[in-house]
């Protein structure tokens, strides 16, 4: 039961850590720079940007939203918070499974089936 108490303490710590999370968003931020031929110097290219885009899935389809540089920083922070949330939840699920395995009784296994070709003993 020492292991169960340790699992419960860890689960509680993880639960409390969720309270400190800020806004969360799924997706990723892309920083794009577009290179085009420079109209004033045809042998050179000119950079346009950087442009920031927030990419995510909505109903199985990719959605893209253009952002300002300050929005991109804020959204990136929210995406990092979401990754912390997902990691914490995965750990909580694993701990919960261990706790349930220790506190519940499973189905008793049957004895293996006897092959009909084997003689009775």
N, C-alpha and C. Protein backbone atom coordinates (compact mmCIF):
# COMPACT_ATOMS: atom_id res chain seq x y z
N UNK A 1 0.81 -1.20 0.00
CA UNK A 1 0.00 0.00 0.00
C UNK A 1 0.86 1.26 0.00
N UNK A 2 2.14 1.11 0.28
CA UNK A 2 3.04 2.26 0.23
C UNK A 2 3.08 2.82 -1.18
N UNK A 3 3.08 1.93 -2.17
CA UNK A 3 3.12 2.36 -3.56
C UNK A 3 1.85 3.13 -3.93
N UNK A 4 0.70 2.69 -3.43
CA UNK A 4 -0.56 3.36 -3.71
C UNK A 4 -0.54 4.78 -3.14
N UNK A 5 -0.06 4.94 -1.93
CA UNK A 5 0.01 6.28 -1.31
C UNK A 5 0.94 7.20 -2.12
N UNK A 6 2.03 6.64 -2.60
CA UNK A 6 2.97 7.42 -3.42
C UNK A 6 2.31 7.85 -4.73
N UNK A 7 1.56 6.95 -5.36
CA UNK A 7 0.85 7.27 -6.59
C UNK A 7 -0.19 8.36 -6.36
N UNK A 8 -0.91 8.27 -5.25
CA UNK A 8 -1.93 9.28 -4.93
C UNK A 8 -1.30 10.65 -4.72
N UNK A 9 -0.15 10.68 -4.03
CA UNK A 9 0.54 11.96 -3.82
C UNK A 9 0.97 12.56 -5.15
N UNK A 10 1.52 11.74 -6.02
CA UNK A 10 1.97 12.22 -7.33
C UNK A 10 0.77 12.73 -8.14
N UNK A 11 -0.33 12.02 -8.08
CA UNK A 11 -1.54 12.42 -8.81
C UNK A 11 -2.04 13.77 -8.29
N UNK A 12 -2.03 13.97 -7.00
CA UNK A 12 -2.46 15.24 -6.41
C UNK A 12 -1.54 16.39 -6.83
N UNK A 13 -0.22 16.14 -6.84
CA UNK A 13 0.72 17.17 -7.28
C UNK A 13 0.45 17.58 -8.73
N UNK A 14 0.19 16.58 -9.57
CA UNK A 14 -0.10 16.87 -10.97
C UNK A 14 -1.40 17.66 -11.10
N UNK A 15 -2.39 17.29 -10.29
CA UNK A 15 -3.67 18.00 -10.33
C UNK A 15 -3.49 19.47 -9.94
N UNK A 16 -2.70 19.71 -8.91
CA UNK A 16 -2.43 21.08 -8.48
C UNK A 16 -1.66 21.86 -9.54
N UNK A 17 -0.77 21.18 -10.27
CA UNK A 17 0.01 21.87 -11.29
C UNK A 17 -0.87 22.39 -12.42
N UNK A 18 -2.02 21.77 -12.63
CA UNK A 18 -2.94 22.22 -13.68
C UNK A 18 -3.52 23.59 -13.35
N UNK A 19 -3.60 23.92 -12.06
CA UNK A 19 -4.16 25.21 -11.67
C UNK A 19 -3.29 26.37 -12.12
N UNK A 20 -2.00 26.15 -12.30
CA UNK A 20 -1.09 27.21 -12.70
C UNK A 20 -1.00 27.46 -14.19
N UNK A 21 -1.71 26.66 -14.97
CA UNK A 21 -1.64 26.83 -16.42
C UNK A 21 -2.40 28.08 -16.86
N UNK A 22 -1.88 28.72 -17.88
CA UNK A 22 -2.55 29.87 -18.48
C UNK A 22 -3.43 29.41 -19.63
N UNK A 23 -3.77 30.32 -20.52
CA UNK A 23 -4.58 29.95 -21.69
C UNK A 23 -3.88 28.87 -22.51
N UNK A 24 -4.67 27.98 -23.09
CA UNK A 24 -4.11 26.88 -23.88
C UNK A 24 -4.72 26.89 -25.28
N UNK A 25 -3.88 26.59 -26.26
CA UNK A 25 -4.31 26.47 -27.65
C UNK A 25 -3.62 25.28 -28.29
N UNK A 26 -4.31 24.62 -29.19
CA UNK A 26 -3.69 23.57 -29.98
C UNK A 26 -3.18 24.18 -31.28
N UNK A 27 -2.21 23.53 -31.86
CA UNK A 27 -1.70 23.97 -33.15
C UNK A 27 -0.23 24.32 -33.09
N UNK A 28 0.21 25.11 -34.08
CA UNK A 28 1.60 25.54 -34.12
C UNK A 28 1.67 26.90 -34.81
N UNK A 29 2.76 27.59 -34.55
CA UNK A 29 3.00 28.90 -35.16
C UNK A 29 4.09 28.74 -36.21
N UNK A 30 3.81 29.22 -37.39
CA UNK A 30 4.79 29.19 -38.47
C UNK A 30 5.28 30.61 -38.73
N UNK A 31 6.58 30.75 -38.89
CA UNK A 31 7.17 32.04 -39.26
C UNK A 31 7.59 31.91 -40.72
N UNK A 32 7.04 32.75 -41.55
CA UNK A 32 7.32 32.66 -42.99
C UNK A 32 8.00 33.93 -43.49
N UNK A 33 8.95 33.74 -44.37
CA UNK A 33 9.60 34.84 -45.08
C UNK A 33 9.52 34.48 -46.56
N UNK A 34 9.00 35.40 -47.34
CA UNK A 34 8.83 35.15 -48.77
C UNK A 34 9.96 35.84 -49.51
N UNK A 35 10.62 35.08 -50.38
CA UNK A 35 11.70 35.65 -51.21
C UNK A 35 11.20 35.78 -52.64
N UNK A 36 11.36 36.99 -53.17
CA UNK A 36 10.95 37.27 -54.54
C UNK A 36 12.09 38.02 -55.23
N UNK A 37 12.11 37.97 -56.54
CA UNK A 37 13.12 38.77 -57.26
C UNK A 37 12.93 40.26 -56.94
N UNK A 38 14.05 40.92 -56.71
CA UNK A 38 14.02 42.35 -56.38
C UNK A 38 13.81 43.12 -57.68
N UNK A 39 12.72 43.91 -57.77
CA UNK A 39 12.47 44.64 -59.02
C UNK A 39 13.55 45.67 -59.33
N UNK A 40 14.20 46.20 -58.31
CA UNK A 40 15.25 47.21 -58.54
C UNK A 40 16.59 46.58 -58.91
N UNK A 41 16.83 45.35 -58.45
CA UNK A 41 18.08 44.63 -58.74
C UNK A 41 17.72 43.22 -59.19
N UNK A 42 17.52 42.99 -60.48
CA UNK A 42 17.02 41.69 -60.96
C UNK A 42 17.88 40.48 -60.58
N UNK A 43 19.17 40.66 -60.33
CA UNK A 43 20.03 39.52 -59.99
C UNK A 43 19.92 39.15 -58.50
N UNK A 44 19.22 39.93 -57.70
CA UNK A 44 19.07 39.67 -56.26
C UNK A 44 17.63 39.32 -55.93
N UNK A 45 17.47 38.79 -54.71
CA UNK A 45 16.11 38.54 -54.21
C UNK A 45 15.84 39.48 -53.04
N UNK A 46 14.58 39.70 -52.82
CA UNK A 46 14.16 40.57 -51.73
C UNK A 46 13.27 39.76 -50.78
N UNK A 47 13.52 39.93 -49.48
CA UNK A 47 12.72 39.22 -48.48
C UNK A 47 11.52 40.07 -48.08
N UNK A 48 10.37 39.41 -47.99
CA UNK A 48 9.15 40.04 -47.50
C UNK A 48 8.71 39.28 -46.26
N UNK A 49 8.44 40.01 -45.21
CA UNK A 49 8.01 39.36 -43.97
C UNK A 49 8.92 39.75 -42.84
N UNK A 50 8.96 39.07 -41.76
CA UNK A 50 8.33 37.77 -41.55
C UNK A 50 6.81 37.89 -41.35
N UNK A 51 6.12 36.83 -41.77
CA UNK A 51 4.69 36.70 -41.55
C UNK A 51 4.50 35.52 -40.59
N UNK A 52 3.52 35.63 -39.73
CA UNK A 52 3.26 34.58 -38.74
C UNK A 52 1.89 33.98 -39.01
N UNK A 53 1.83 32.65 -38.92
CA UNK A 53 0.57 31.94 -39.13
C UNK A 53 0.36 30.92 -38.03
N UNK A 54 -0.87 30.87 -37.56
CA UNK A 54 -1.27 29.85 -36.57
C UNK A 54 -2.00 28.77 -37.35
N UNK A 55 -1.48 27.56 -37.28
CA UNK A 55 -2.04 26.42 -38.00
C UNK A 55 -2.59 25.42 -36.99
N UNK A 56 -3.80 24.94 -37.26
CA UNK A 56 -4.43 23.96 -36.37
C UNK A 56 -5.45 23.16 -37.17
N UNK A 57 -5.98 22.12 -36.55
CA UNK A 57 -7.01 21.29 -37.19
C UNK A 57 -8.38 21.64 -36.61
N UNK A 58 -9.35 21.81 -37.50
CA UNK A 58 -10.74 22.01 -37.10
C UNK A 58 -11.58 21.04 -37.93
N UNK A 59 -12.27 20.14 -37.25
CA UNK A 59 -13.09 19.13 -37.92
C UNK A 59 -12.29 18.36 -38.98
N UNK A 60 -11.05 18.01 -38.66
CA UNK A 60 -10.22 17.22 -39.56
C UNK A 60 -9.60 17.99 -40.71
N UNK A 61 -9.81 19.28 -40.75
CA UNK A 61 -9.24 20.09 -41.83
C UNK A 61 -8.26 21.09 -41.24
N UNK A 62 -7.23 21.44 -42.00
CA UNK A 62 -6.24 22.40 -41.55
C UNK A 62 -6.80 23.81 -41.67
N UNK A 63 -6.70 24.56 -40.58
CA UNK A 63 -7.13 25.96 -40.58
C UNK A 63 -5.91 26.82 -40.31
N UNK A 64 -5.79 27.91 -41.03
CA UNK A 64 -4.64 28.81 -40.90
C UNK A 64 -5.16 30.21 -40.64
N UNK A 65 -4.55 30.87 -39.66
CA UNK A 65 -4.91 32.25 -39.35
C UNK A 65 -3.64 33.08 -39.30
N UNK A 66 -3.63 34.20 -40.00
CA UNK A 66 -2.48 35.10 -39.97
C UNK A 66 -2.47 35.88 -38.67
N UNK A 67 -1.26 36.10 -38.13
CA UNK A 67 -1.10 36.79 -36.85
C UNK A 67 -0.09 37.92 -36.96
N UNK A 68 -0.19 38.86 -36.03
CA UNK A 68 0.86 39.87 -35.90
C UNK A 68 2.00 39.24 -35.09
N UNK A 69 3.14 39.91 -35.04
CA UNK A 69 4.29 39.38 -34.27
C UNK A 69 3.94 39.26 -32.80
N UNK A 70 3.23 40.24 -32.23
CA UNK A 70 2.89 40.17 -30.81
C UNK A 70 1.86 39.07 -30.55
N UNK A 71 0.91 38.89 -31.48
CA UNK A 71 -0.03 37.78 -31.34
C UNK A 71 0.70 36.45 -31.39
N UNK A 72 1.67 36.34 -32.29
CA UNK A 72 2.40 35.09 -32.44
C UNK A 72 3.09 34.70 -31.14
N UNK A 73 3.68 35.67 -30.43
CA UNK A 73 4.33 35.38 -29.14
C UNK A 73 3.31 34.88 -28.12
N UNK A 74 2.17 35.54 -28.06
CA UNK A 74 1.13 35.15 -27.10
C UNK A 74 0.56 33.79 -27.44
N UNK A 75 0.29 33.54 -28.71
CA UNK A 75 -0.26 32.25 -29.13
C UNK A 75 0.76 31.13 -28.89
N UNK A 76 2.03 31.42 -29.14
CA UNK A 76 3.09 30.41 -28.92
C UNK A 76 3.14 30.01 -27.45
N UNK A 77 2.98 30.98 -26.56
CA UNK A 77 2.95 30.70 -25.12
C UNK A 77 1.76 29.79 -24.79
N UNK A 78 0.60 30.08 -25.37
CA UNK A 78 -0.60 29.27 -25.14
C UNK A 78 -0.42 27.85 -25.69
N UNK A 79 0.28 27.72 -26.80
CA UNK A 79 0.55 26.39 -27.37
C UNK A 79 1.50 25.61 -26.45
N UNK A 80 2.51 26.29 -25.89
CA UNK A 80 3.40 25.62 -24.92
C UNK A 80 2.62 25.16 -23.70
N UNK A 81 1.70 26.00 -23.23
CA UNK A 81 0.87 25.62 -22.08
C UNK A 81 0.02 24.40 -22.42
N UNK A 82 -0.49 24.34 -23.64
CA UNK A 82 -1.28 23.18 -24.05
C UNK A 82 -0.43 21.91 -24.06
N UNK A 83 0.81 22.03 -24.48
CA UNK A 83 1.68 20.85 -24.49
C UNK A 83 1.97 20.38 -23.08
N UNK A 84 2.13 21.33 -22.13
CA UNK A 84 2.29 20.96 -20.72
C UNK A 84 1.04 20.24 -20.23
N UNK A 85 -0.13 20.78 -20.59
CA UNK A 85 -1.40 20.19 -20.20
C UNK A 85 -1.51 18.76 -20.70
N UNK A 86 -1.21 18.55 -21.97
CA UNK A 86 -1.30 17.21 -22.57
C UNK A 86 -0.34 16.24 -21.90
N UNK A 87 0.88 16.69 -21.61
CA UNK A 87 1.87 15.84 -20.94
C UNK A 87 1.40 15.48 -19.53
N UNK A 88 0.87 16.47 -18.82
CA UNK A 88 0.39 16.23 -17.46
C UNK A 88 -0.78 15.26 -17.48
N UNK A 89 -1.71 15.45 -18.40
CA UNK A 89 -2.86 14.55 -18.49
C UNK A 89 -2.43 13.11 -18.82
N UNK A 90 -1.47 12.97 -19.70
CA UNK A 90 -0.99 11.62 -20.04
C UNK A 90 -0.38 10.95 -18.81
N UNK A 91 0.38 11.71 -18.03
CA UNK A 91 0.96 11.15 -16.81
C UNK A 91 -0.11 10.82 -15.79
N UNK A 92 -1.12 11.68 -15.66
CA UNK A 92 -2.22 11.42 -14.73
C UNK A 92 -3.00 10.17 -15.13
N UNK A 93 -3.19 9.97 -16.42
CA UNK A 93 -3.90 8.78 -16.90
C UNK A 93 -3.10 7.51 -16.57
N UNK A 94 -1.79 7.57 -16.77
CA UNK A 94 -0.94 6.41 -16.47
C UNK A 94 -0.97 6.09 -14.97
N UNK A 95 -0.89 7.14 -14.14
CA UNK A 95 -0.94 6.94 -12.70
C UNK A 95 -2.30 6.41 -12.28
N UNK A 96 -3.36 6.94 -12.88
CA UNK A 96 -4.72 6.48 -12.56
C UNK A 96 -4.87 5.00 -12.86
N UNK A 97 -4.34 4.56 -13.98
CA UNK A 97 -4.42 3.14 -14.33
C UNK A 97 -3.70 2.29 -13.29
N UNK A 98 -2.51 2.72 -12.88
CA UNK A 98 -1.78 1.97 -11.85
C UNK A 98 -2.55 1.93 -10.54
N UNK A 99 -3.15 3.08 -10.16
CA UNK A 99 -3.92 3.14 -8.92
C UNK A 99 -5.13 2.19 -8.99
N UNK A 100 -5.81 2.20 -10.12
CA UNK A 100 -6.98 1.33 -10.28
C UNK A 100 -6.58 -0.14 -10.29
N UNK A 101 -5.45 -0.45 -10.91
CA UNK A 101 -4.97 -1.84 -10.90
C UNK A 101 -4.68 -2.31 -9.48
N UNK A 102 -4.16 -1.40 -8.64
CA UNK A 102 -3.83 -1.77 -7.26
C UNK A 102 -5.07 -1.84 -6.36
N UNK A 103 -6.15 -1.16 -6.72
CA UNK A 103 -7.30 -1.08 -5.81
C UNK A 103 -8.53 -1.85 -6.27
N UNK A 104 -8.49 -2.45 -7.45
CA UNK A 104 -9.64 -3.22 -7.93
C UNK A 104 -9.21 -4.64 -8.26
N UNK A 105 -10.20 -5.53 -8.19
CA UNK A 105 -9.91 -6.93 -8.49
C UNK A 105 -10.31 -7.19 -9.93
N UNK A 106 -9.44 -7.81 -10.67
CA UNK A 106 -9.69 -8.11 -12.07
C UNK A 106 -10.44 -9.41 -12.25
N UNK A 107 -10.75 -9.72 -13.47
CA UNK A 107 -11.42 -10.97 -13.82
C UNK A 107 -10.45 -12.11 -13.59
N UNK A 108 -10.95 -13.17 -12.97
CA UNK A 108 -10.08 -14.33 -12.76
C UNK A 108 -9.90 -15.06 -14.09
N UNK A 109 -8.69 -15.46 -14.33
CA UNK A 109 -8.37 -16.14 -15.58
C UNK A 109 -8.86 -17.58 -15.51
N UNK A 110 -9.34 -18.05 -16.66
CA UNK A 110 -9.78 -19.44 -16.75
C UNK A 110 -8.56 -20.33 -16.95
N UNK A 111 -8.76 -21.57 -16.63
CA UNK A 111 -7.68 -22.52 -16.92
C UNK A 111 -7.64 -22.71 -18.43
N UNK A 112 -6.48 -23.02 -18.97
CA UNK A 112 -6.37 -23.16 -20.43
C UNK A 112 -7.28 -24.28 -20.94
N UNK A 113 -7.78 -24.10 -22.14
CA UNK A 113 -8.65 -25.11 -22.74
C UNK A 113 -7.86 -26.37 -23.02
N UNK A 114 -8.56 -27.48 -22.86
CA UNK A 114 -7.95 -28.77 -23.15
C UNK A 114 -8.14 -29.06 -24.62
N UNK A 115 -7.06 -29.48 -25.27
CA UNK A 115 -7.12 -29.86 -26.68
C UNK A 115 -7.88 -31.18 -26.78
N UNK A 116 -8.89 -31.25 -27.67
CA UNK A 116 -9.74 -32.46 -27.77
C UNK A 116 -8.94 -33.67 -28.26
N UNK A 117 -7.83 -33.44 -28.91
CA UNK A 117 -7.04 -34.57 -29.39
C UNK A 117 -6.21 -35.21 -28.29
N UNK A 118 -6.07 -34.48 -27.14
CA UNK A 118 -5.29 -35.03 -26.03
C UNK A 118 -6.13 -36.04 -25.27
N UNK A 119 -5.53 -37.12 -24.85
CA UNK A 119 -6.28 -38.12 -24.07
C UNK A 119 -6.54 -37.58 -22.67
N UNK A 120 -7.66 -37.99 -22.10
CA UNK A 120 -7.97 -37.61 -20.72
C UNK A 120 -7.05 -38.34 -19.76
N UNK A 121 -6.63 -37.72 -18.73
CA UNK A 121 -5.77 -38.38 -17.75
C UNK A 121 -6.43 -38.45 -16.41
